Amino acid sequence: MVRVAGESSRTARYLNLSRAGADDPVIICYEAAGEGTPILCVPGLGDTAWVWRKIVPTLSSMHRVVAVEPRGHGRSSSPKGKYTLEDMAGDIGAVAGRLGLNRPVIIGHGLGARAALLLATEQPRLPGALILIGAGAAPAAKSVRRGVAERIHLAEAGDMHEAYRNRKSEGREPRGMTPRERAEHHRLFLRGDPSGYASAGYAELLAPDLTERLGEVACAALALTGEEDPEYHGDAQALSAGIPRCESILIEGAGRYAQLDRPEAVLALIHDFFRKHHLSVAKSTEENHEPID
């Protein structure tokens, strides 16, 4: 089985995306496995590559899978200042370029999906396809933004324990996990850099409205939403209505983390999506980078 974030730090690799000698560089942690069609997995706010743990082993048996931890998350660096969605989208594109991922299928969750969507409008020839989980093009609902603002405030005060309790109180935690997995997810959140979490929170809180730009997405897309995540049902439908080649699907029994709640359903939908759109199986390469110890 492929080891993913939270299980072994020995699998981690790093890319420095900043110019040489930068005082506060952007260093991105990623994990890679498999060969074939390149897939780039990007988690949501406050999460790490660990949230892909139930689908990476199967996907990497057929494809080249790279799971990244965005700036301010997990083992990646936390540059000072508020991050923007443009910053995070640019990082995704830079990782794809540095690792030689030719038209990768980008699977994003939450904030990671929103960043992938922006990247697809800014650089429409870069992604081969998009799979967007629990995300939308319009600004999040007021209740969601209010919660994000509260957690930014808590993180800025260094209180990640209370930030986690705040998020959990809104029912945003994965449901399809064992007690041991829930404890690990909790531990990884608390291990995150509070300043990085707060900085990334601004990217979600102040994300631009991409609704009018959905027609610029040139690749095929799949919008997935959990049945028990009603705040994003309308967003998924708006994505399928606005993106020329996009389908939205509601996953029965899943909440905010469909890939953890119903991994077998998500994998079946990904496989069907690949077949339907005849996605290539060209091998990708990892060139033009030096891992950082």
C-alpha atoms as a PDB file:
ATOM      1  CA  MET A   1       0.000   0.000   0.000  1.00  0.00           C
ATOM      2  CA  VAL A   2       1.195   3.505  -0.798  1.00  0.00           C
ATOM      3  CA  ARG A   3       2.173   5.517   2.256  1.00  0.00           C
ATOM      4  CA  VAL A   4       0.612   8.961   2.409  1.00  0.00           C
ATOM      5  CA  ALA A   5       0.917  12.009   4.642  1.00  0.00           C
ATOM      6  CA  GLY A   6       0.542  11.263   8.318  1.00  0.00           C
ATOM      7  CA  GLU A   7       1.788   7.693   7.955  1.00  0.00           C
ATOM      8  CA  SER A   8       5.462   8.239   7.132  1.00  0.00           C
ATOM      9  CA  SER A   9       7.439  11.425   6.731  1.00  0.00           C
ATOM     10  CA  ARG A  10      10.009   9.452   4.753  1.00  0.00           C
ATOM     11  CA  THR A  11       7.820   9.592   1.642  1.00  0.00           C
ATOM     12  CA  ALA A  12       7.769  13.393   1.610  1.00  0.00           C
ATOM     13  CA  ARG A  13       9.490  15.337  -1.172  1.00  0.00           C
ATOM     14  CA  TYR A  14       9.874  19.089  -1.473  1.00  0.00           C
ATOM     15  CA  LEU A  15       9.935  21.747  -4.171  1.00  0.00           C
ATOM     16  CA  ASN A  16      11.211  25.287  -3.680  1.00  0.00           C
ATOM     17  CA  LEU A  17       9.001  27.415  -5.927  1.00  0.00           C
ATOM     18  CA  SER A  18      10.709  30.716  -5.063  1.00  0.00           C
ATOM     19  CA  ARG A  19      13.681  32.338  -6.696  1.00  0.00           C
ATOM     20  CA  ALA A  20      17.101  31.371  -5.359  1.00  0.00           C
ATOM     21  CA  GLY A  21      18.003  33.142  -2.138  1.00  0.00           C
ATOM     22  CA  ALA A  22      14.462  34.283  -1.295  1.00  0.00           C
ATOM     23  CA  ASP A  23      14.163  35.225   2.382  1.00  0.00           C
ATOM     24  CA  ASP A  24      10.739  33.615   2.838  1.00  0.00           C
ATOM     25  CA  PRO A  25      10.506  30.913   0.154  1.00  0.00           C
ATOM     26  CA  VAL A  26       7.457  28.923  -0.883  1.00  0.00           C
ATOM     27  CA  ILE A  27       8.422  25.301  -0.293  1.00  0.00           C
ATOM     28  CA  ILE A  28       5.778  22.756  -1.241  1.00  0.00           C
ATOM     29  CA  CYS A  29       5.642  19.244   0.166  1.00  0.00           C
ATOM     30  CA  TYR A  30       4.308  16.509  -2.088  1.00  0.00           C
ATOM     31  CA  GLU A  31       4.079  12.741  -2.321  1.00  0.00           C
ATOM     32  CA  ALA A  32       4.102  10.800  -5.569  1.00  0.00           C
ATOM     33  CA  ALA A  33       3.413   7.238  -6.662  1.00  0.00           C
ATOM     34  CA  GLY A  34       2.492   5.247  -9.754  1.00  0.00           C
ATOM     35  CA  GLU A  35       2.820   5.701 -13.506  1.00  0.00           C
ATOM     36  CA  GLY A  36       0.439   6.769 -16.242  1.00  0.00           C
ATOM     37  CA  THR A  37      -2.017   9.628 -16.551  1.00  0.00           C
ATOM     38  CA  PRO A  38      -0.851  12.374 -14.154  1.00  0.00           C
ATOM     39  CA  ILE A  39      -3.252  13.186 -11.321  1.00  0.00           C
ATOM     40  CA  LEU A  40      -2.622  16.119  -8.989  1.00  0.00           C
ATOM     41  CA  CYS A  41      -4.545  16.037  -5.677  1.00  0.00           C
ATOM     42  CA  VAL A  42      -5.020  19.294  -3.737  1.00  0.00           C
ATOM     43  CA  PRO A  43      -6.667  19.288  -0.264  1.00  0.00           C
ATOM     44  CA  GLY A  44      -8.916  21.885   1.311  1.00  0.00           C
ATOM     45  CA  LEU A  45      -8.275  24.458   4.012  1.00  0.00           C
ATOM     46  CA  GLY A  46      -6.407  23.053   7.004  1.00  0.00           C
ATOM     47  CA  ASP A  47      -5.874  19.606   5.478  1.00  0.00           C
ATOM     48  CA  THR A  48      -2.905  17.640   4.175  1.00  0.00           C
ATOM     49  CA  ALA A  49      -2.267  14.909   1.630  1.00  0.00           C
ATOM     50  CA  TRP A  50      -3.610  12.523   4.263  1.00  0.00           C
ATOM     51  CA  VAL A  51      -7.216  13.250   3.214  1.00  0.00           C
ATOM     52  CA  TRP A  52      -6.570  11.333  -0.032  1.00  0.00           C
ATOM     53  CA  ARG A  53      -5.424   8.218   1.823  1.00  0.00           C
ATOM     54  CA  LYS A  54      -8.430   6.085   0.831  1.00  0.00           C
ATOM     55  CA  ILE A  55      -8.214   6.717  -2.901  1.00  0.00           C
ATOM     56  CA  VAL A  56      -4.475   7.158  -3.579  1.00  0.00           C
ATOM     57  CA  PRO A  57      -3.563   3.437  -3.389  1.00  0.00           C
ATOM     58  CA  THR A  58      -6.126   2.479  -6.047  1.00  0.00           C
ATOM     59  CA  LEU A  59      -5.462   5.479  -8.295  1.00  0.00           C
ATOM     60  CA  SER A  60      -1.682   5.048  -8.150  1.00  0.00           C
ATOM     61  CA  SER A  61      -1.985   1.441  -9.325  1.00  0.00           C
ATOM     62  CA  MET A  62      -3.086   2.835 -12.706  1.00  0.00           C
ATOM     63  CA  HIS A  63      -1.983   6.479 -12.783  1.00  0.00           C
ATOM     64  CA  ARG A  64       0.780   8.846 -11.718  1.00  0.00           C
ATOM     65  CA  VAL A  65      -0.593  10.439  -8.532  1.00  0.00           C
ATOM     66  CA  VAL A  66       0.949  13.509  -6.889  1.00  0.00           C
ATOM     67  CA  ALA A  67      -0.640  14.690  -3.632  1.00  0.00           C
ATOM     68  CA  VAL A  68       0.465  18.194  -2.634  1.00  0.00           C
ATOM     69  CA  GLU A  69       0.214  20.156   0.590  1.00  0.00           C
ATOM     70  CA  PRO A  70      -0.441  23.814  -0.298  1.00  0.00           C
ATOM     71  CA  ARG A  71       1.488  26.690   1.206  1.00  0.00           C
ATOM     72  CA  GLY A  72       0.563  27.111   4.857  1.00  0.00           C
ATOM     73  CA  HIS A  73      -0.504  23.468   5.147  1.00  0.00           C
ATOM     74  CA  GLY A  74       1.099  20.352   6.605  1.00  0.00           C
ATOM     75  CA  ARG A  75       4.808  20.086   5.889  1.00  0.00           C
ATOM     76  CA  SER A  76       4.897  22.897   3.329  1.00  0.00           C
ATOM     77  CA  SER A  77       6.283  26.292   4.313  1.00  0.00           C
ATOM     78  CA  SER A  78       4.139  29.144   5.611  1.00  0.00           C
ATOM     79  CA  PRO A  79       5.355  32.391   3.997  1.00  0.00           C
ATOM     80  CA  LYS A  80       4.324  35.511   5.879  1.00  0.00           C
ATOM     81  CA  GLY A  81       1.307  37.570   4.790  1.00  0.00           C
ATOM     82  CA  LYS A  82      -2.240  36.852   3.685  1.00  0.00           C
ATOM     83  CA  TYR A  83      -2.476  34.377   0.813  1.00  0.00           C
ATOM     84  CA  THR A  84      -4.744  34.856  -2.160  1.00  0.00           C
ATOM     85  CA  LEU A  85      -6.509  32.292  -4.294  1.00  0.00           C
ATOM     86  CA  GLU A  86      -4.218  33.457  -7.112  1.00  0.00           C
ATOM     87  CA  ASP A  87      -1.198  32.525  -4.971  1.00  0.00           C
ATOM     88  CA  MET A  88      -2.498  29.030  -4.400  1.00  0.00           C
ATOM     89  CA  ALA A  89      -3.555  28.504  -8.014  1.00  0.00           C
ATOM     90  CA  GLY A  90      -0.113  29.653  -9.134  1.00  0.00           C
ATOM     91  CA  ASP A  91       1.528  27.135  -6.813  1.00  0.00           C
ATOM     92  CA  ILE A  92      -0.512  24.293  -8.348  1.00  0.00           C
ATOM     93  CA  GLY A  93       0.559  25.322 -11.831  1.00  0.00           C
ATOM     94  CA  ALA A  94       4.189  25.667 -10.756  1.00  0.00           C
ATOM     95  CA  VAL A  95       4.210  22.190  -9.198  1.00  0.00           C
ATOM     96  CA  ALA A  96       2.730  20.688 -12.359  1.00  0.00           C
ATOM     97  CA  GLY A  97       5.386  22.411 -14.458  1.00  0.00           C
ATOM     98  CA  ARG A  98       8.320  21.515 -12.233  1.00  0.00           C
ATOM     99  CA  LEU A  99       7.298  17.866 -12.031  1.00  0.00           C
ATOM    100  CA  GLY A 100       6.640  17.607 -15.760  1.00  0.00           C
ATOM    101  CA  LEU A 101       2.978  16.685 -15.311  1.00  0.00           C
ATOM    102  CA  ASN A 102       1.541  16.998 -18.807  1.00  0.00           C
ATOM    103  CA  ARG A 103      -2.096  18.169 -18.628  1.00  0.00           C
ATOM    104  CA  PRO A 104      -2.778  16.584 -15.228  1.00  0.00           C
ATOM    105  CA  VAL A 105      -6.208  15.708 -13.985  1.00  0.00           C
ATOM    106  CA  ILE A 106      -6.539  17.956 -10.928  1.00  0.00           C
ATOM    107  CA  ILE A 107      -8.633  16.581  -8.080  1.00  0.00           C
ATOM    108  CA  GLY A 108      -9.363  19.347  -5.601  1.00  0.00           C
ATOM    109  CA  HIS A 109     -11.325  19.482  -2.377  1.00  0.00           C
ATOM    110  CA  GLY A 110     -12.777  22.673  -0.911  1.00  0.00           C
ATOM    111  CA  LEU A 111     -10.231  25.484  -1.164  1.00  0.00           C
ATOM    112  CA  GLY A 112      -8.006  23.230  -3.274  1.00  0.00           C
ATOM    113  CA  ALA A 113     -10.837  22.753  -5.769  1.00  0.00           C
ATOM    114  CA  ARG A 114     -11.509  26.488  -5.922  1.00  0.00           C
ATOM    115  CA  ALA A 115      -7.797  27.138  -6.616  1.00  0.00           C
ATOM    116  CA  ALA A 116      -7.825  24.477  -9.342  1.00  0.00           C
ATOM    117  CA  LEU A 117     -10.884  26.121 -10.895  1.00  0.00           C
ATOM    118  CA  LEU A 118      -9.146  29.506 -10.973  1.00  0.00           C
ATOM    119  CA  LEU A 119      -6.072  27.888 -12.538  1.00  0.00           C
ATOM    120  CA  ALA A 120      -8.278  26.384 -15.256  1.00  0.00           C
ATOM    121  CA  THR A 121      -9.609  29.843 -16.141  1.00  0.00           C
ATOM    122  CA  GLU A 122      -6.187  31.522 -16.066  1.00  0.00           C
ATOM    123  CA  GLN A 123      -4.318  28.727 -17.854  1.00  0.00           C
ATOM    124  CA  PRO A 124      -6.987  26.718 -19.706  1.00  0.00           C
ATOM    125  CA  ARG A 125      -4.433  24.567 -21.536  1.00  0.00           C
ATOM    126  CA  LEU A 126      -2.737  23.379 -18.321  1.00  0.00           C
ATOM    127  CA  PRO A 127      -5.232  20.927 -16.735  1.00  0.00           C
ATOM    128  CA  GLY A 128      -6.337  17.857 -18.632  1.00  0.00           C
ATOM    129  CA  ALA A 129      -9.513  17.687 -16.539  1.00  0.00           C
ATOM    130  CA  LEU A 130     -10.948  18.838 -13.207  1.00  0.00           C
ATOM    131  CA  ILE A 131     -12.609  16.832 -10.448  1.00  0.00           C
ATOM    132  CA  LEU A 132     -14.002  19.295  -7.903  1.00  0.00           C
ATOM    133  CA  ILE A 133     -15.229  18.014  -4.515  1.00  0.00           C
ATOM    134  CA  GLY A 134     -17.321  20.208  -2.221  1.00  0.00           C
ATOM    135  CA  ALA A 135     -16.639  23.502  -3.973  1.00  0.00           C
ATOM    136  CA  GLY A 136     -18.258  26.245  -5.998  1.00  0.00           C
ATOM    137  CA  ALA A 137     -17.435  29.228  -8.172  1.00  0.00           C
ATOM    138  CA  ALA A 138     -19.346  31.867  -6.204  1.00  0.00           C
ATOM    139  CA  PRO A 139     -18.270  33.186  -2.789  1.00  0.00           C
ATOM    140  CA  ALA A 140     -19.156  30.795   0.015  1.00  0.00           C
ATOM    141  CA  ALA A 141     -22.376  31.282   1.967  1.00  0.00           C
ATOM    142  CA  LYS A 142     -22.310  33.865   4.764  1.00  0.00           C
ATOM    143  CA  SER A 143     -22.423  31.145   7.402  1.00  0.00           C
ATOM    144  CA  VAL A 144     -19.387  29.444   5.883  1.00  0.00           C
ATOM    145  CA  ARG A 145     -17.410  32.692   5.624  1.00  0.00           C
ATOM    146  CA  ARG A 146     -18.344  33.601   9.184  1.00  0.00           C
ATOM    147  CA  GLY A 147     -16.936  30.295  10.391  1.00  0.00           C
ATOM    148  CA  VAL A 148     -13.746  30.757   8.371  1.00  0.00           C
ATOM    149  CA  ALA A 149     -13.299  34.253   9.826  1.00  0.00           C
ATOM    150  CA  GLU A 150     -13.710  32.873  13.353  1.00  0.00           C
ATOM    151  CA  ARG A 151     -11.096  30.201  12.743  1.00  0.00           C
ATOM    152  CA  ILE A 152      -8.679  32.722  11.231  1.00  0.00           C
ATOM    153  CA  HIS A 153      -8.987  34.771  14.417  1.00  0.00           C
ATOM    154  CA  LEU A 154      -8.369  31.700  16.574  1.00  0.00           C
ATOM    155  CA  ALA A 155      -5.366  30.620  14.497  1.00  0.00           C
ATOM    156  CA  GLU A 156      -3.876  34.104  14.620  1.00  0.00           C
ATOM    157  CA  ALA A 157      -4.082  33.780  18.398  1.00  0.00           C
ATOM    158  CA  GLY A 158      -2.293  30.425  18.131  1.00  0.00           C
ATOM    159  CA  ASP A 159      -5.296  28.407  19.347  1.00  0.00           C
ATOM    160  CA  MET A 160      -5.540  25.542  16.856  1.00  0.00           C
ATOM    161  CA  HIS A 161      -7.381  23.381  19.413  1.00  0.00           C
ATOM    162  CA  GLU A 162     -10.273  25.838  19.505  1.00  0.00           C
ATOM    163  CA  ALA A 163     -10.112  26.294  15.722  1.00  0.00           C
ATOM    164  CA  TYR A 164     -10.573  22.549  15.320  1.00  0.00           C
ATOM    165  CA  ARG A 165     -13.474  22.485  17.781  1.00  0.00           C
ATOM    166  CA  ASN A 166     -15.033  25.390  15.901  1.00  0.00           C
ATOM    167  CA  ARG A 167     -14.811  23.540  12.600  1.00  0.00           C
ATOM    168  CA  LYS A 168     -16.084  20.316  14.127  1.00  0.00           C
ATOM    169  CA  SER A 169     -19.106  22.132  15.620  1.00  0.00           C
ATOM    170  CA  GLU A 170     -20.216  23.007  12.083  1.00  0.00           C
ATOM    171  CA  GLY A 171     -20.237  19.346  11.061  1.00  0.00           C
ATOM    172  CA  ARG A 172     -17.365  19.733   8.610  1.00  0.00           C
ATOM    173  CA  GLU A 173     -15.298  16.763   9.742  1.00  0.00           C
ATOM    174  CA  PRO A 174     -15.064  13.466   7.819  1.00  0.00           C
ATOM    175  CA  ARG A 175     -17.674  10.900   8.778  1.00  0.00           C
ATOM    176  CA  GLY A 176     -16.412   7.714   7.168  1.00  0.00           C
ATOM    177  CA  MET A 177     -13.455   7.110   9.469  1.00  0.00           C
ATOM    178  CA  THR A 178     -12.528   4.792  12.309  1.00  0.00           C
ATOM    179  CA  PRO A 179     -11.814   6.329  15.753  1.00  0.00           C
ATOM    180  CA  ARG A 180      -8.098   5.905  15.051  1.00  0.00           C
ATOM    181  CA  GLU A 181      -8.404   7.750  11.731  1.00  0.00           C
ATOM    182  CA  ARG A 182     -10.398  10.562  13.340  1.00  0.00           C
ATOM    183  CA  ALA A 183      -7.678  10.942  15.955  1.00  0.00           C
ATOM    184  CA  GLU A 184      -5.024  11.102  13.241  1.00  0.00           C
ATOM    185  CA  HIS A 185      -6.963  13.701  11.258  1.00  0.00           C
ATOM    186  CA  HIS A 186      -7.296  15.750  14.451  1.00  0.00           C
ATOM    187  CA  ARG A 187      -3.583  15.379  15.242  1.00  0.00           C
ATOM    188  CA  LEU A 188      -2.512  16.510  11.778  1.00  0.00           C
ATOM    189  CA  PHE A 189      -4.728  19.589  11.987  1.00  0.00           C
ATOM    190  CA  LEU A 190      -3.244  20.564  15.358  1.00  0.00           C
ATOM    191  CA  ARG A 191       0.277  20.029  14.028  1.00  0.00           C
ATOM    192  CA  GLY A 192      -0.286  22.640  11.314  1.00  0.00           C
ATOM    193  CA  ASP A 193       1.330  26.069  11.517  1.00  0.00           C
ATOM    194  CA  PRO A 194      -1.280  28.454  12.996  1.00  0.00           C
ATOM    195  CA  SER A 195       0.054  31.395  10.949  1.00  0.00           C
ATOM    196  CA  GLY A 196      -0.088  29.329   7.760  1.00  0.00           C
ATOM    197  CA  TYR A 197      -3.657  28.247   8.458  1.00  0.00           C
ATOM    198  CA  ALA A 198      -4.703  31.840   9.090  1.00  0.00           C
ATOM    199  CA  SER A 199      -2.949  33.074   5.949  1.00  0.00           C
ATOM    200  CA  ALA A 200      -4.593  30.374   3.829  1.00  0.00           C
ATOM    201  CA  GLY A 201      -7.927  31.159   5.450  1.00  0.00           C
ATOM    202  CA  TYR A 202      -7.855  34.599   3.840  1.00  0.00           C
ATOM    203  CA  ALA A 203      -7.562  32.939   0.417  1.00  0.00           C
ATOM    204  CA  GLU A 204     -10.873  31.212   1.090  1.00  0.00           C
ATOM    205  CA  LEU A 205     -12.522  34.140   2.844  1.00  0.00           C
ATOM    206  CA  LEU A 206     -11.652  36.614   0.079  1.00  0.00           C
ATOM    207  CA  ALA A 207     -11.815  34.291  -2.940  1.00  0.00           C
ATOM    208  CA  PRO A 208     -13.104  36.006  -6.100  1.00  0.00           C
ATOM    209  CA  ASP A 209     -16.412  35.107  -7.714  1.00  0.00           C
ATOM    210  CA  LEU A 210     -15.584  32.891 -10.709  1.00  0.00           C
ATOM    211  CA  THR A 211     -19.165  32.349 -11.845  1.00  0.00           C
ATOM    212  CA  GLU A 212     -18.884  34.559 -14.928  1.00  0.00           C
ATOM    213  CA  ARG A 213     -15.627  32.863 -15.936  1.00  0.00           C
ATOM    214  CA  LEU A 214     -16.827  29.256 -15.911  1.00  0.00           C
ATOM    215  CA  GLY A 215     -17.225  29.303 -19.687  1.00  0.00           C
ATOM    216  CA  GLU A 216     -13.446  29.788 -19.957  1.00  0.00           C
ATOM    217  CA  VAL A 217     -12.770  26.295 -18.574  1.00  0.00           C
ATOM    218  CA  ALA A 218     -11.700  24.327 -21.624  1.00  0.00           C
ATOM    219  CA  CYS A 219     -11.309  20.865 -20.088  1.00  0.00           C
ATOM    220  CA  ALA A 220     -13.880  18.326 -18.959  1.00  0.00           C
ATOM    221  CA  ALA A 221     -14.940  18.621 -15.325  1.00  0.00           C
ATOM    222  CA  LEU A 222     -16.780  16.632 -12.683  1.00  0.00           C
ATOM    223  CA  ALA A 223     -18.371  18.329  -9.650  1.00  0.00           C
ATOM    224  CA  LEU A 224     -18.943  15.990  -6.707  1.00  0.00           C
ATOM    225  CA  THR A 225     -20.934  16.850  -3.597  1.00  0.00           C
ATOM    226  CA  GLY A 226     -21.920  14.815  -0.561  1.00  0.00           C
ATOM    227  CA  GLU A 227     -25.619  14.224  -0.030  1.00  0.00           C
ATOM    228  CA  GLU A 228     -25.169  15.410   3.552  1.00  0.00           C
ATOM    229  CA  ASP A 229     -23.347  18.594   2.522  1.00  0.00           C
ATOM    230  CA  PRO A 230     -26.362  20.684   1.432  1.00  0.00           C
ATOM    231  CA  GLU A 231     -24.505  24.015   1.424  1.00  0.00           C
ATOM    232  CA  TYR A 232     -22.713  22.951  -1.760  1.00  0.00           C
ATOM    233  CA  HIS A 233     -25.524  21.223  -3.669  1.00  0.00           C
ATOM    234  CA  GLY A 234     -26.396  24.412  -5.548  1.00  0.00           C
ATOM    235  CA  ASP A 235     -22.733  25.185  -6.177  1.00  0.00           C
ATOM    236  CA  ALA A 236     -22.182  21.835  -7.889  1.00  0.00           C
ATOM    237  CA  GLN A 237     -25.206  22.414 -10.108  1.00  0.00           C
ATOM    238  CA  ALA A 238     -23.925  25.907 -10.983  1.00  0.00           C
ATOM    239  CA  LEU A 239     -20.571  24.416 -11.990  1.00  0.00           C
ATOM    240  CA  SER A 240     -22.237  21.908 -14.309  1.00  0.00           C
ATOM    241  CA  ALA A 241     -24.400  24.666 -15.797  1.00  0.00           C
ATOM    242  CA  GLY A 242     -21.497  27.066 -16.361  1.00  0.00           C
ATOM    243  CA  ILE A 243     -18.621  24.816 -17.439  1.00  0.00           C
ATOM    244  CA  PRO A 244     -19.180  23.591 -21.019  1.00  0.00           C
ATOM    245  CA  ARG A 245     -18.253  19.954 -20.315  1.00  0.00           C
ATOM    246  CA  CYS A 246     -19.164  19.421 -16.687  1.00  0.00           C
ATOM    247  CA  GLU A 247     -21.407  16.992 -14.862  1.00  0.00           C
ATOM    248  CA  SER A 248     -22.473  17.295 -11.212  1.00  0.00           C
ATOM    249  CA  ILE A 249     -23.141  14.233  -9.080  1.00  0.00           C
ATOM    250  CA  LEU A 250     -24.532  13.914  -5.560  1.00  0.00           C
ATOM    251  CA  ILE A 251     -22.875  11.129  -3.545  1.00  0.00           C
ATOM    252  CA  GLU A 252     -25.283   9.304  -1.271  1.00  0.00           C
ATOM    253  CA  GLY A 253     -24.251   9.033   2.363  1.00  0.00           C
ATOM    254  CA  ALA A 254     -21.289  11.405   2.057  1.00  0.00           C
ATOM    255  CA  GLY A 255     -20.696  14.704   3.827  1.00  0.00           C
ATOM    256  CA  ARG A 256     -18.066  17.376   3.196  1.00  0.00           C
ATOM    257  CA  TYR A 257     -15.275  14.789   2.689  1.00  0.00           C
ATOM    258  CA  ALA A 258     -16.728  12.499   0.043  1.00  0.00           C
ATOM    259  CA  GLN A 259     -13.318  10.940  -0.643  1.00  0.00           C
ATOM    260  CA  LEU A 260     -13.129   9.753   2.984  1.00  0.00           C
ATOM    261  CA  ASP A 261     -16.827   9.137   3.601  1.00  0.00           C
ATOM    262  CA  ARG A 262     -17.554   7.123   0.432  1.00  0.00           C
ATOM    263  CA  PRO A 263     -14.180   6.366  -1.212  1.00  0.00           C
ATOM    264  CA  GLU A 264     -15.519   3.432  -3.216  1.00  0.00           C
ATOM    265  CA  ALA A 265     -18.178   5.659  -4.795  1.00  0.00           C
ATOM    266  CA  VAL A 266     -15.666   8.429  -5.541  1.00  0.00           C
ATOM    267  CA  LEU A 267     -13.257   5.941  -7.159  1.00  0.00           C
ATOM    268  CA  ALA A 268     -16.037   4.478  -9.324  1.00  0.00           C
ATOM    269  CA  LEU A 269     -17.017   7.968 -10.488  1.00  0.00           C
ATOM    270  CA  ILE A 270     -13.387   8.873 -11.254  1.00  0.00           C
ATOM    271  CA  HIS A 271     -12.924   5.697 -13.294  1.00  0.00           C
ATOM    272  CA  ASP A 272     -16.141   6.374 -15.247  1.00  0.00           C
ATOM    273  CA  PHE A 273     -15.028   9.979 -15.825  1.00  0.00           C
ATOM    274  CA  PHE A 274     -11.676   8.827 -17.223  1.00  0.00           C
ATOM    275  CA  ARG A 275     -13.360   6.372 -19.586  1.00  0.00           C
ATOM    276  CA  LYS A 276     -16.012   8.826 -20.709  1.00  0.00           C
ATOM    277  CA  HIS A 277     -13.495  11.509 -21.647  1.00  0.00           C
ATOM    278  CA  HIS A 278     -10.810   9.197 -23.056  1.00  0.00           C
ATOM    279  CA  LEU A 279      -8.132  10.647 -20.818  1.00  0.00           C
ATOM    280  CA  SER A 280      -4.677   9.636 -22.004  1.00  0.00           C
ATOM    281  CA  VAL A 281      -2.296   7.322 -20.218  1.00  0.00           C
ATOM    282  CA  ALA A 282       0.912   9.105 -21.243  1.00  0.00           C
ATOM    283  CA  LYS A 283       3.659   8.767 -18.679  1.00  0.00           C
ATOM    284  CA  SER A 284       4.825  11.877 -16.859  1.00  0.00           C
ATOM    285  CA  THR A 285       8.319  12.655 -15.624  1.00  0.00           C
ATOM    286  CA  GLU A 286       9.828  14.360 -12.621  1.00  0.00           C
ATOM    287  CA  GLU A 287      12.446  16.702 -14.007  1.00  0.00           C
ATOM    288  CA  ASN A 288      13.993  20.088 -13.384  1.00  0.00           C
ATOM    289  CA  HIS A 289      13.920  19.984  -9.589  1.00  0.00           C
ATOM    290  CA  GLU A 290      16.062  19.098  -6.645  1.00  0.00           C
ATOM    291  CA  PRO A 291      14.411  17.676  -3.541  1.00  0.00           C
ATOM    292  CA  ILE A 292      15.071  19.656  -0.360  1.00  0.00           C
ATOM    293  CA  ASP A 293      16.092  17.729   2.779  1.00  0.00           C
END
